[in-house]
Amino acid sequence: MDPIPYIEDSFLSKIFVKYRTLPLQYWWSKETVAVVTGANKGIGFAFVKCLAQLGLTVILTSRDVIKGQAAVDSLKAENLHVEYCQLDISDLRSVSDFAFWISHKFGGLDILVNNAGVSFNEINTNSVEHAETVIETNFYGPKLLIEALLPFFRRSATDSSRILNISSQLGLLSKVKNPKLREMLADEENLSENMIEKMVANFIGSVKKGTWKEEGWPEVWTDYSVSKLALNTYSWILAKRYESDNMKVNCFCPGFTRTSMTSGLGNHTADEAAKLGVSIVLLPHDQLPSGKFFKWSSRLYSKL
């Protein structure tokens, strides 16, 4: 069993049947601050646009300032109010500067969408040449940012802060063939951050030794899959840790989406994937679970 459970279709069905015929129950306002990482294009950009259209204050972040500012300018041309701040989630100084900036400019935040991520594989290829960079960006990057922003999330007795980590079903425990690793990750009582970090360190070690193929790691986009396996598990640990502290932490797999990472291939657009993700992260406090893995299902998708 995966430590971070699937959300069953029946649960998603209830959400989308409800929102297909009824307006969203607005609990937010323009004072609600949402941060989206890696948002100058693709799913991240679509998240920013959708959230801004719904009236939240949205901060678009990107590693590249020129591309990020151009993305903000394009949204402002559509009369959408979006703020910009440079952020490289794999750089400690950049993360610290961002945490200082948001705490002083807005006093904190309410929603974090961790979208920034990398993969160096084309469809149907599987190289681990850039495994260290993939792990640093896709796992340690979101972890570093979450830890830096935790003191600034605004939580109340009637509402919750929300973290939505954009992940992948490639990082589910079912993709792992190594029985010892599966047993370790399924041990919910003893699972810890140190164990996750040990896992990724072992993976990097096996890559350097050239033994990763026979050690039971995921077989598709191996380095990317391991990074998302680590992120999924870390998300579950966070959700359990803050379950009584009005902090909801979930993962969302947008499915096979047409983005630059998939070379434009996919079953749906970034806008469609983002609208599904937004409908999840904006669920009312009493309807939003925590510690769950939401996966795209085209037959359940409906517009906001």
C-alpha atoms as a PDB file:
ATOM      1  CA  MET A   1       0.000   0.000   0.000  1.00  0.00           C
ATOM      2  CA  ASP A   2       1.309   3.448  -0.879  1.00  0.00           C
ATOM      3  CA  PRO A   3       1.949   5.604   2.181  1.00  0.00           C
ATOM      4  CA  ILE A   4       0.185   8.465   0.417  1.00  0.00           C
ATOM      5  CA  PRO A   5      -3.168   6.982  -0.648  1.00  0.00           C
ATOM      6  CA  TYR A   6      -4.965   7.376  -3.922  1.00  0.00           C
ATOM      7  CA  ILE A   7      -8.113   9.448  -3.912  1.00  0.00           C
ATOM      8  CA  GLU A   8     -10.725   7.071  -5.232  1.00  0.00           C
ATOM      9  CA  ASP A   9     -12.735   7.918  -8.302  1.00  0.00           C
ATOM     10  CA  SER A  10     -15.914   8.010  -6.216  1.00  0.00           C
ATOM     11  CA  PHE A  11     -14.538  10.871  -4.138  1.00  0.00           C
ATOM     12  CA  LEU A  12     -13.433  12.835  -7.197  1.00  0.00           C
ATOM     13  CA  SER A  13     -16.774  12.145  -8.827  1.00  0.00           C
ATOM     14  CA  LYS A  14     -18.568  13.849  -5.955  1.00  0.00           C
ATOM     15  CA  ILE A  15     -16.337  16.890  -6.312  1.00  0.00           C
ATOM     16  CA  PHE A  16     -16.781  17.287 -10.047  1.00  0.00           C
ATOM     17  CA  VAL A  17     -20.458  16.415 -10.186  1.00  0.00           C
ATOM     18  CA  LYS A  18     -21.019  19.105  -7.579  1.00  0.00           C
ATOM     19  CA  TYR A  19     -18.962  21.744  -9.380  1.00  0.00           C
ATOM     20  CA  ARG A  20     -20.348  20.879 -12.785  1.00  0.00           C
ATOM     21  CA  THR A  21     -23.716  22.325 -11.777  1.00  0.00           C
ATOM     22  CA  LEU A  22     -22.942  24.605  -8.818  1.00  0.00           C
ATOM     23  CA  PRO A  23     -20.558  27.535  -8.397  1.00  0.00           C
ATOM     24  CA  LEU A  24     -17.518  27.034  -6.195  1.00  0.00           C
ATOM     25  CA  GLN A  25     -18.093  27.848  -2.554  1.00  0.00           C
ATOM     26  CA  TYR A  26     -15.938  30.946  -2.331  1.00  0.00           C
ATOM     27  CA  TRP A  27     -14.001  30.983   0.934  1.00  0.00           C
ATOM     28  CA  TRP A  28     -11.137  33.119  -0.382  1.00  0.00           C
ATOM     29  CA  SER A  29     -10.697  36.797  -1.256  1.00  0.00           C
ATOM     30  CA  LYS A  30      -8.104  39.058  -2.843  1.00  0.00           C
ATOM     31  CA  GLU A  31      -6.319  38.930   0.522  1.00  0.00           C
ATOM     32  CA  THR A  32      -5.707  35.196   0.005  1.00  0.00           C
ATOM     33  CA  VAL A  33      -2.111  34.788  -1.171  1.00  0.00           C
ATOM     34  CA  ALA A  34      -1.127  31.883  -3.440  1.00  0.00           C
ATOM     35  CA  VAL A  35       2.413  31.097  -4.600  1.00  0.00           C
ATOM     36  CA  VAL A  36       3.138  29.000  -7.691  1.00  0.00           C
ATOM     37  CA  THR A  37       6.674  27.864  -8.474  1.00  0.00           C
ATOM     38  CA  GLY A  38       8.098  27.214 -11.921  1.00  0.00           C
ATOM     39  CA  ALA A  39       5.251  29.253 -13.354  1.00  0.00           C
ATOM     40  CA  ASN A  40       6.552  31.075 -16.413  1.00  0.00           C
ATOM     41  CA  LYS A  41       5.065  28.387 -18.688  1.00  0.00           C
ATOM     42  CA  GLY A  42       3.112  25.147 -18.822  1.00  0.00           C
ATOM     43  CA  ILE A  43       1.070  23.873 -15.895  1.00  0.00           C
ATOM     44  CA  GLY A  44       2.520  26.404 -13.467  1.00  0.00           C
ATOM     45  CA  PHE A  45       1.524  29.324 -15.690  1.00  0.00           C
ATOM     46  CA  ALA A  46      -1.945  27.831 -16.120  1.00  0.00           C
ATOM     47  CA  PHE A  47      -2.300  27.531 -12.325  1.00  0.00           C
ATOM     48  CA  VAL A  48      -1.402  31.198 -11.910  1.00  0.00           C
ATOM     49  CA  LYS A  49      -3.878  32.300 -14.555  1.00  0.00           C
ATOM     50  CA  CYS A  50      -6.737  30.235 -13.144  1.00  0.00           C
ATOM     51  CA  LEU A  51      -6.134  31.386  -9.560  1.00  0.00           C
ATOM     52  CA  ALA A  52      -5.887  35.014 -10.666  1.00  0.00           C
ATOM     53  CA  GLN A  53      -9.139  34.717 -12.608  1.00  0.00           C
ATOM     54  CA  LEU A  54     -10.788  33.556  -9.394  1.00  0.00           C
ATOM     55  CA  GLY A  55      -9.654  36.679  -7.575  1.00  0.00           C
ATOM     56  CA  LEU A  56      -6.803  35.497  -5.383  1.00  0.00           C
ATOM     57  CA  THR A  57      -3.544  37.400  -5.053  1.00  0.00           C
ATOM     58  CA  VAL A  58      -1.124  35.202  -6.968  1.00  0.00           C
ATOM     59  CA  ILE A  59       2.658  35.276  -6.973  1.00  0.00           C
ATOM     60  CA  LEU A  60       4.248  33.867 -10.106  1.00  0.00           C
ATOM     61  CA  THR A  61       7.783  32.655  -9.498  1.00  0.00           C
ATOM     62  CA  SER A  62      10.425  31.421 -11.899  1.00  0.00           C
ATOM     63  CA  ARG A  63      14.153  30.820 -11.969  1.00  0.00           C
ATOM     64  CA  ASP A  64      14.596  32.956 -15.097  1.00  0.00           C
ATOM     65  CA  VAL A  65      13.672  36.598 -14.396  1.00  0.00           C
ATOM     66  CA  ILE A  66      13.179  37.608 -18.026  1.00  0.00           C
ATOM     67  CA  LYS A  67      10.861  34.691 -18.802  1.00  0.00           C
ATOM     68  CA  GLY A  68       8.997  35.139 -15.533  1.00  0.00           C
ATOM     69  CA  GLN A  69       8.414  38.831 -16.020  1.00  0.00           C
ATOM     70  CA  ALA A  70       7.253  38.229 -19.592  1.00  0.00           C
ATOM     71  CA  ALA A  71       4.721  35.710 -18.280  1.00  0.00           C
ATOM     72  CA  VAL A  72       3.426  38.222 -15.726  1.00  0.00           C
ATOM     73  CA  ASP A  73       3.173  40.928 -18.374  1.00  0.00           C
ATOM     74  CA  SER A  74       1.095  38.633 -20.584  1.00  0.00           C
ATOM     75  CA  LEU A  75      -1.361  38.078 -17.725  1.00  0.00           C
ATOM     76  CA  LYS A  76      -1.518  41.757 -16.863  1.00  0.00           C
ATOM     77  CA  ALA A  77      -2.439  42.378 -20.504  1.00  0.00           C
ATOM     78  CA  GLU A  78      -5.551  40.301 -19.742  1.00  0.00           C
ATOM     79  CA  ASN A  79      -6.306  42.555 -16.742  1.00  0.00           C
ATOM     80  CA  LEU A  80      -5.221  39.898 -14.245  1.00  0.00           C
ATOM     81  CA  HIS A  81      -3.394  41.051 -11.133  1.00  0.00           C
ATOM     82  CA  VAL A  82      -0.297  38.900 -10.656  1.00  0.00           C
ATOM     83  CA  GLU A  83       2.846  39.609  -8.644  1.00  0.00           C
ATOM     84  CA  TYR A  84       6.299  38.371  -9.625  1.00  0.00           C
ATOM     85  CA  CYS A  85       9.328  37.266  -7.652  1.00  0.00           C
ATOM     86  CA  GLN A  86      12.397  35.406  -8.820  1.00  0.00           C
ATOM     87  CA  LEU A  87      12.838  32.032  -7.130  1.00  0.00           C
ATOM     88  CA  ASP A  88      15.221  29.139  -7.688  1.00  0.00           C
ATOM     89  CA  ILE A  89      13.954  26.408  -5.369  1.00  0.00           C
ATOM     90  CA  SER A  90      17.264  24.530  -5.561  1.00  0.00           C
ATOM     91  CA  ASP A  91      19.238  27.516  -4.244  1.00  0.00           C
ATOM     92  CA  LEU A  92      19.230  28.167  -0.478  1.00  0.00           C
ATOM     93  CA  ARG A  93      19.940  31.892  -0.826  1.00  0.00           C
ATOM     94  CA  SER A  94      17.151  32.343  -3.376  1.00  0.00           C
ATOM     95  CA  VAL A  95      14.677  30.486  -1.148  1.00  0.00           C
ATOM     96  CA  SER A  96      15.686  32.520   1.909  1.00  0.00           C
ATOM     97  CA  ASP A  97      15.348  35.780  -0.014  1.00  0.00           C
ATOM     98  CA  PHE A  98      11.909  34.752  -1.238  1.00  0.00           C
ATOM     99  CA  ALA A  99      10.712  33.844   2.257  1.00  0.00           C
ATOM    100  CA  PHE A 100      11.901  37.234   3.537  1.00  0.00           C
ATOM    101  CA  TRP A 101      10.227  39.042   0.614  1.00  0.00           C
ATOM    102  CA  ILE A 102       6.818  37.396   0.939  1.00  0.00           C
ATOM    103  CA  SER A 103       6.727  37.758   4.724  1.00  0.00           C
ATOM    104  CA  HIS A 104       7.427  41.490   4.510  1.00  0.00           C
ATOM    105  CA  LYS A 105       5.346  42.293   1.441  1.00  0.00           C
ATOM    106  CA  PHE A 106       2.244  40.224   2.238  1.00  0.00           C
ATOM    107  CA  GLY A 107       2.703  39.156   5.833  1.00  0.00           C
ATOM    108  CA  GLY A 108       2.540  35.507   4.814  1.00  0.00           C
ATOM    109  CA  LEU A 109       0.801  33.152   2.406  1.00  0.00           C
ATOM    110  CA  ASP A 110      -2.165  30.772   2.311  1.00  0.00           C
ATOM    111  CA  ILE A 111      -1.511  28.457  -0.634  1.00  0.00           C
ATOM    112  CA  LEU A 112       1.675  26.985  -2.100  1.00  0.00           C
ATOM    113  CA  VAL A 113       1.651  25.101  -5.394  1.00  0.00           C
ATOM    114  CA  ASN A 114       5.022  23.395  -5.835  1.00  0.00           C
ATOM    115  CA  ASN A 115       5.135  23.008  -9.587  1.00  0.00           C
ATOM    116  CA  ALA A 116       8.816  23.614 -10.425  1.00  0.00           C
ATOM    117  CA  GLY A 117      10.515  20.466 -11.644  1.00  0.00           C
ATOM    118  CA  VAL A 118      12.827  19.055 -14.292  1.00  0.00           C
ATOM    119  CA  SER A 119      13.324  15.953 -16.378  1.00  0.00           C
ATOM    120  CA  PHE A 120      16.069  15.404 -18.926  1.00  0.00           C
ATOM    121  CA  ASN A 121      14.491  12.405 -20.620  1.00  0.00           C
ATOM    122  CA  GLU A 122      12.559  12.406 -23.842  1.00  0.00           C
ATOM    123  CA  ILE A 123       9.485  10.206 -24.172  1.00  0.00           C
ATOM    124  CA  ASN A 124      10.530   6.533 -24.325  1.00  0.00           C
ATOM    125  CA  THR A 125      14.094   7.247 -23.130  1.00  0.00           C
ATOM    126  CA  ASN A 126      15.592   6.585 -19.711  1.00  0.00           C
ATOM    127  CA  SER A 127      18.943   8.155 -18.893  1.00  0.00           C
ATOM    128  CA  VAL A 128      20.112   8.904 -15.324  1.00  0.00           C
ATOM    129  CA  GLU A 129      22.963  11.167 -16.405  1.00  0.00           C
ATOM    130  CA  HIS A 130      21.373  14.137 -14.603  1.00  0.00           C
ATOM    131  CA  ALA A 131      20.042  12.202 -11.611  1.00  0.00           C
ATOM    132  CA  GLU A 132      21.572  14.484  -8.976  1.00  0.00           C
ATOM    133  CA  THR A 133      20.072  17.603 -10.574  1.00  0.00           C
ATOM    134  CA  VAL A 134      16.653  15.926 -10.869  1.00  0.00           C
ATOM    135  CA  ILE A 135      16.671  14.877  -7.203  1.00  0.00           C
ATOM    136  CA  GLU A 136      17.892  18.295  -6.033  1.00  0.00           C
ATOM    137  CA  THR A 137      15.208  20.121  -8.020  1.00  0.00           C
ATOM    138  CA  ASN A 138      12.200  17.810  -7.729  1.00  0.00           C
ATOM    139  CA  PHE A 139      12.581  16.646  -4.128  1.00  0.00           C
ATOM    140  CA  TYR A 140      15.002  18.777  -2.164  1.00  0.00           C
ATOM    141  CA  GLY A 141      13.792  21.975  -3.858  1.00  0.00           C
ATOM    142  CA  PRO A 142      10.137  21.738  -2.739  1.00  0.00           C
ATOM    143  CA  LYS A 143      11.281  20.462   0.672  1.00  0.00           C
ATOM    144  CA  LEU A 144      13.630  23.416   1.128  1.00  0.00           C
ATOM    145  CA  LEU A 145      10.926  25.896   0.114  1.00  0.00           C
ATOM    146  CA  ILE A 146       8.244  24.360   2.327  1.00  0.00           C
ATOM    147  CA  GLU A 147      10.554  24.425   5.343  1.00  0.00           C
ATOM    148  CA  ALA A 148      11.442  28.071   4.697  1.00  0.00           C
ATOM    149  CA  LEU A 149       7.788  29.116   4.301  1.00  0.00           C
ATOM    150  CA  LEU A 150       6.224  27.079   7.121  1.00  0.00           C
ATOM    151  CA  PRO A 151       6.472  29.940   9.674  1.00  0.00           C
ATOM    152  CA  PHE A 152       4.596  32.249   7.291  1.00  0.00           C
ATOM    153  CA  PHE A 153       1.551  30.134   6.431  1.00  0.00           C
ATOM    154  CA  ARG A 154      -1.579  31.792   7.816  1.00  0.00           C
ATOM    155  CA  ARG A 155      -3.780  29.296   9.628  1.00  0.00           C
ATOM    156  CA  SER A 156      -6.978  29.955  11.543  1.00  0.00           C
ATOM    157  CA  ALA A 157      -9.540  27.976  13.492  1.00  0.00           C
ATOM    158  CA  THR A 158     -11.965  28.116  10.568  1.00  0.00           C
ATOM    159  CA  ASP A 159      -9.644  27.682   7.592  1.00  0.00           C
ATOM    160  CA  SER A 160      -6.458  25.913   6.564  1.00  0.00           C
ATOM    161  CA  SER A 161      -3.298  26.676   4.670  1.00  0.00           C
ATOM    162  CA  ARG A 162      -2.779  24.440   1.673  1.00  0.00           C
ATOM    163  CA  ILE A 163       0.250  22.883  -0.004  1.00  0.00           C
ATOM    164  CA  LEU A 164      -0.255  21.114  -3.324  1.00  0.00           C
ATOM    165  CA  ASN A 165       2.829  19.340  -4.633  1.00  0.00           C
ATOM    166  CA  ILE A 166       2.663  18.643  -8.346  1.00  0.00           C
ATOM    167  CA  SER A 167       3.807  15.049  -8.624  1.00  0.00           C
ATOM    168  CA  SER A 168       3.455  11.975 -10.799  1.00  0.00           C
ATOM    169  CA  GLN A 169       2.041   8.479 -10.643  1.00  0.00           C
ATOM    170  CA  LEU A 170       5.531   7.390 -11.727  1.00  0.00           C
ATOM    171  CA  GLY A 171       6.472   8.042  -8.117  1.00  0.00           C
ATOM    172  CA  LEU A 172       3.960   5.657  -6.575  1.00  0.00           C
ATOM    173  CA  LEU A 173       5.249   2.797  -4.487  1.00  0.00           C
ATOM    174  CA  SER A 174       3.771   0.321  -6.946  1.00  0.00           C
ATOM    175  CA  LYS A 175       6.514   1.318  -9.409  1.00  0.00           C
ATOM    176  CA  VAL A 176       9.234   0.107  -7.018  1.00  0.00           C
ATOM    177  CA  LYS A 177      10.356  -3.523  -7.477  1.00  0.00           C
ATOM    178  CA  ASN A 178      12.882  -3.662  -4.617  1.00  0.00           C
ATOM    179  CA  PRO A 179      11.083  -5.523  -1.774  1.00  0.00           C
ATOM    180  CA  LYS A 180      13.177  -3.995   1.046  1.00  0.00           C
ATOM    181  CA  LEU A 181      12.561  -0.484  -0.232  1.00  0.00           C
ATOM    182  CA  ARG A 182       8.846  -1.172  -0.615  1.00  0.00           C
ATOM    183  CA  GLU A 183       8.697  -2.533   2.916  1.00  0.00           C
ATOM    184  CA  MET A 184      10.510   0.506   4.322  1.00  0.00           C
ATOM    185  CA  LEU A 185       8.271   3.023   2.569  1.00  0.00           C
ATOM    186  CA  ALA A 186       5.101   1.163   3.516  1.00  0.00           C
ATOM    187  CA  ASP A 187       5.990   1.210   7.212  1.00  0.00           C
ATOM    188  CA  GLU A 188       3.828   4.196   8.124  1.00  0.00           C
ATOM    189  CA  GLU A 189       4.630   4.060  11.840  1.00  0.00           C
ATOM    190  CA  ASN A 190       8.386   4.451  11.379  1.00  0.00           C
ATOM    191  CA  LEU A 191       8.575   6.452   8.143  1.00  0.00           C
ATOM    192  CA  SER A 192      10.721   9.583   8.522  1.00  0.00           C
ATOM    193  CA  GLU A 193      12.426  12.316   6.523  1.00  0.00           C
ATOM    194  CA  ASN A 194      15.789  10.733   7.295  1.00  0.00           C
ATOM    195  CA  MET A 195      14.622   7.515   5.683  1.00  0.00           C
ATOM    196  CA  ILE A 196      13.565   9.357   2.536  1.00  0.00           C
ATOM    197  CA  GLU A 197      16.894  11.162   2.342  1.00  0.00           C
ATOM    198  CA  LYS A 198      18.720   7.881   2.871  1.00  0.00           C
ATOM    199  CA  MET A 199      16.679   6.383   0.029  1.00  0.00           C
ATOM    200  CA  VAL A 200      17.588   9.115  -2.462  1.00  0.00           C
ATOM    201  CA  ALA A 201      21.231   9.015  -1.339  1.00  0.00           C
ATOM    202  CA  ASN A 202      21.265   5.262  -1.984  1.00  0.00           C
ATOM    203  CA  PHE A 203      19.769   5.864  -5.405  1.00  0.00           C
ATOM    204  CA  ILE A 204      22.423   8.442  -6.311  1.00  0.00           C
ATOM    205  CA  GLY A 205      25.060   6.014  -5.041  1.00  0.00           C
ATOM    206  CA  SER A 206      23.714   3.224  -7.241  1.00  0.00           C
ATOM    207  CA  VAL A 207      23.712   5.580 -10.233  1.00  0.00           C
ATOM    208  CA  LYS A 208      27.358   6.441  -9.624  1.00  0.00           C
ATOM    209  CA  LYS A 209      28.231   2.735  -9.283  1.00  0.00           C
ATOM    210  CA  GLY A 210      26.184   1.857 -12.362  1.00  0.00           C
ATOM    211  CA  THR A 211      24.065  -0.671 -10.458  1.00  0.00           C
ATOM    212  CA  TRP A 212      20.706   1.139 -10.512  1.00  0.00           C
ATOM    213  CA  LYS A 213      19.157  -1.055 -13.206  1.00  0.00           C
ATOM    214  CA  GLU A 214      19.319  -4.259 -11.177  1.00  0.00           C
ATOM    215  CA  GLU A 215      18.378  -2.744  -7.814  1.00  0.00           C
ATOM    216  CA  GLY A 216      14.627  -2.527  -8.346  1.00  0.00           C
ATOM    217  CA  TRP A 217      14.210   1.209  -8.885  1.00  0.00           C
ATOM    218  CA  PRO A 218      11.298   2.409 -11.080  1.00  0.00           C
ATOM    219  CA  GLU A 219      11.844   1.465 -14.696  1.00  0.00           C
ATOM    220  CA  VAL A 220      10.361   4.519 -16.454  1.00  0.00           C
ATOM    221  CA  TRP A 221      12.110   7.913 -16.211  1.00  0.00           C
ATOM    222  CA  THR A 222      13.963   6.407 -13.259  1.00  0.00           C
ATOM    223  CA  ASP A 223      15.549   9.537 -11.759  1.00  0.00           C
ATOM    224  CA  TYR A 224      12.331  11.538 -12.183  1.00  0.00           C
ATOM    225  CA  SER A 225      10.277   8.696 -10.689  1.00  0.00           C
ATOM    226  CA  VAL A 226      12.542   8.424  -7.638  1.00  0.00           C
ATOM    227  CA  SER A 227      12.367  12.188  -7.100  1.00  0.00           C
ATOM    228  CA  LYS A 228       8.553  12.042  -7.136  1.00  0.00           C
ATOM    229  CA  LEU A 229       8.518   8.939  -4.938  1.00  0.00           C
ATOM    230  CA  ALA A 230      10.497  10.958  -2.385  1.00  0.00           C
ATOM    231  CA  LEU A 231       8.193  13.972  -2.791  1.00  0.00           C
ATOM    232  CA  ASN A 232       5.036  11.874  -2.386  1.00  0.00           C
ATOM    233  CA  THR A 233       6.344  10.249   0.768  1.00  0.00           C
ATOM    234  CA  TYR A 234       7.558  13.537   2.238  1.00  0.00           C
ATOM    235  CA  SER A 235       4.131  15.053   1.538  1.00  0.00           C
ATOM    236  CA  TRP A 236       2.462  12.251   3.497  1.00  0.00           C
ATOM    237  CA  ILE A 237       4.806  12.804   6.445  1.00  0.00           C
ATOM    238  CA  LEU A 238       4.057  16.551   6.422  1.00  0.00           C
ATOM    239  CA  ALA A 239       0.317  15.917   6.255  1.00  0.00           C
ATOM    240  CA  LYS A 240       0.459  13.645   9.295  1.00  0.00           C
ATOM    241  CA  ARG A 241       2.668  16.071  11.208  1.00  0.00           C
ATOM    242  CA  TYR A 242       0.330  19.030  10.693  1.00  0.00           C
ATOM    243  CA  GLU A 243      -3.030  17.243  10.596  1.00  0.00           C
ATOM    244  CA  SER A 244      -4.153  18.998  13.795  1.00  0.00           C
ATOM    245  CA  ASP A 245      -2.635  22.344  12.835  1.00  0.00           C
ATOM    246  CA  ASN A 246      -4.918  23.401   9.947  1.00  0.00           C
ATOM    247  CA  MET A 247      -2.375  22.629   7.267  1.00  0.00           C
ATOM    248  CA  LYS A 248      -3.520  20.492   4.311  1.00  0.00           C
ATOM    249  CA  VAL A 249      -0.778  18.837   2.256  1.00  0.00           C
ATOM    250  CA  ASN A 250      -1.586  16.860  -0.895  1.00  0.00           C
ATOM    251  CA  CYS A 251      -0.047  15.688  -4.152  1.00  0.00           C
ATOM    252  CA  PHE A 252      -1.555  16.084  -7.600  1.00  0.00           C
ATOM    253  CA  CYS A 253      -0.594  14.142 -10.718  1.00  0.00           C
ATOM    254  CA  PRO A 254      -1.770  16.094 -13.779  1.00  0.00           C
ATOM    255  CA  GLY A 255      -1.409  13.035 -15.982  1.00  0.00           C
ATOM    256  CA  PHE A 256       0.001  12.977 -19.498  1.00  0.00           C
ATOM    257  CA  THR A 257      -0.217  16.703 -20.198  1.00  0.00           C
ATOM    258  CA  ARG A 258       0.952  18.564 -23.288  1.00  0.00           C
ATOM    259  CA  THR A 259       3.954  20.563 -21.998  1.00  0.00           C
ATOM    260  CA  SER A 260       7.596  21.105 -22.928  1.00  0.00           C
ATOM    261  CA  MET A 261       8.536  18.233 -20.598  1.00  0.00           C
ATOM    262  CA  THR A 262       6.534  15.847 -22.793  1.00  0.00           C
ATOM    263  CA  SER A 263       7.685  17.516 -26.037  1.00  0.00           C
ATOM    264  CA  GLY A 264       4.134  18.736 -26.604  1.00  0.00           C
ATOM    265  CA  LEU A 265       2.635  15.263 -26.418  1.00  0.00           C
ATOM    266  CA  GLY A 266      -0.221  14.387 -24.093  1.00  0.00           C
ATOM    267  CA  ASN A 267      -3.905  13.688 -23.627  1.00  0.00           C
ATOM    268  CA  HIS A 268      -4.938  17.159 -22.441  1.00  0.00           C
ATOM    269  CA  THR A 269      -3.713  20.719 -22.116  1.00  0.00           C
ATOM    270  CA  ALA A 270      -1.944  22.482 -19.272  1.00  0.00           C
ATOM    271  CA  ASP A 271      -5.039  24.662 -18.776  1.00  0.00           C
ATOM    272  CA  GLU A 272      -7.236  21.599 -18.297  1.00  0.00           C
ATOM    273  CA  ALA A 273      -4.802  20.037 -15.836  1.00  0.00           C
ATOM    274  CA  ALA A 274      -4.466  23.281 -13.875  1.00  0.00           C
ATOM    275  CA  LYS A 275      -8.223  23.771 -13.594  1.00  0.00           C
ATOM    276  CA  LEU A 276      -8.513  20.327 -12.059  1.00  0.00           C
ATOM    277  CA  GLY A 277      -5.688  21.088  -9.645  1.00  0.00           C
ATOM    278  CA  VAL A 278      -7.203  24.444  -8.688  1.00  0.00           C
ATOM    279  CA  SER A 279     -10.585  22.837  -8.025  1.00  0.00           C
ATOM    280  CA  ILE A 280      -8.835  20.556  -5.539  1.00  0.00           C
ATOM    281  CA  VAL A 281      -6.682  23.116  -3.754  1.00  0.00           C
ATOM    282  CA  LEU A 282      -9.648  25.493  -3.389  1.00  0.00           C
ATOM    283  CA  LEU A 283     -12.006  22.976  -1.837  1.00  0.00           C
ATOM    284  CA  PRO A 284     -13.663  24.304   1.327  1.00  0.00           C
ATOM    285  CA  HIS A 285     -11.767  23.535   4.510  1.00  0.00           C
ATOM    286  CA  ASP A 286     -14.215  20.873   5.669  1.00  0.00           C
ATOM    287  CA  GLN A 287     -14.176  19.071   2.295  1.00  0.00           C
ATOM    288  CA  LEU A 288     -10.434  19.094   1.596  1.00  0.00           C
ATOM    289  CA  PRO A 289      -8.606  16.001   2.876  1.00  0.00           C
ATOM    290  CA  SER A 290      -4.882  15.908   3.608  1.00  0.00           C
ATOM    291  CA  GLY A 291      -2.137  13.448   2.860  1.00  0.00           C
ATOM    292  CA  LYS A 292      -3.730  12.275  -0.386  1.00  0.00           C
ATOM    293  CA  PHE A 293      -2.625  11.663  -3.972  1.00  0.00           C
ATOM    294  CA  PHE A 294      -4.961  13.139  -6.570  1.00  0.00           C
ATOM    295  CA  LYS A 295      -4.576  11.804 -10.094  1.00  0.00           C
ATOM    296  CA  TRP A 296      -5.953  13.186 -13.333  1.00  0.00           C
ATOM    297  CA  SER A 297      -8.929  11.308 -14.712  1.00  0.00           C
ATOM    298  CA  SER A 298     -10.228  12.689 -17.969  1.00  0.00           C
ATOM    299  CA  ARG A 299     -13.726  11.332 -17.517  1.00  0.00           C
ATOM    300  CA  LEU A 300     -14.019  13.211 -14.209  1.00  0.00           C
ATOM    301  CA  TYR A 301     -12.761  16.525 -15.502  1.00  0.00           C
ATOM    302  CA  SER A 302     -15.167  19.440 -15.741  1.00  0.00           C
ATOM    303  CA  LYS A 303     -14.639  23.157 -16.081  1.00  0.00           C
ATOM    304  CA  LEU A 304     -14.755  25.392 -13.036  1.00  0.00           C
END
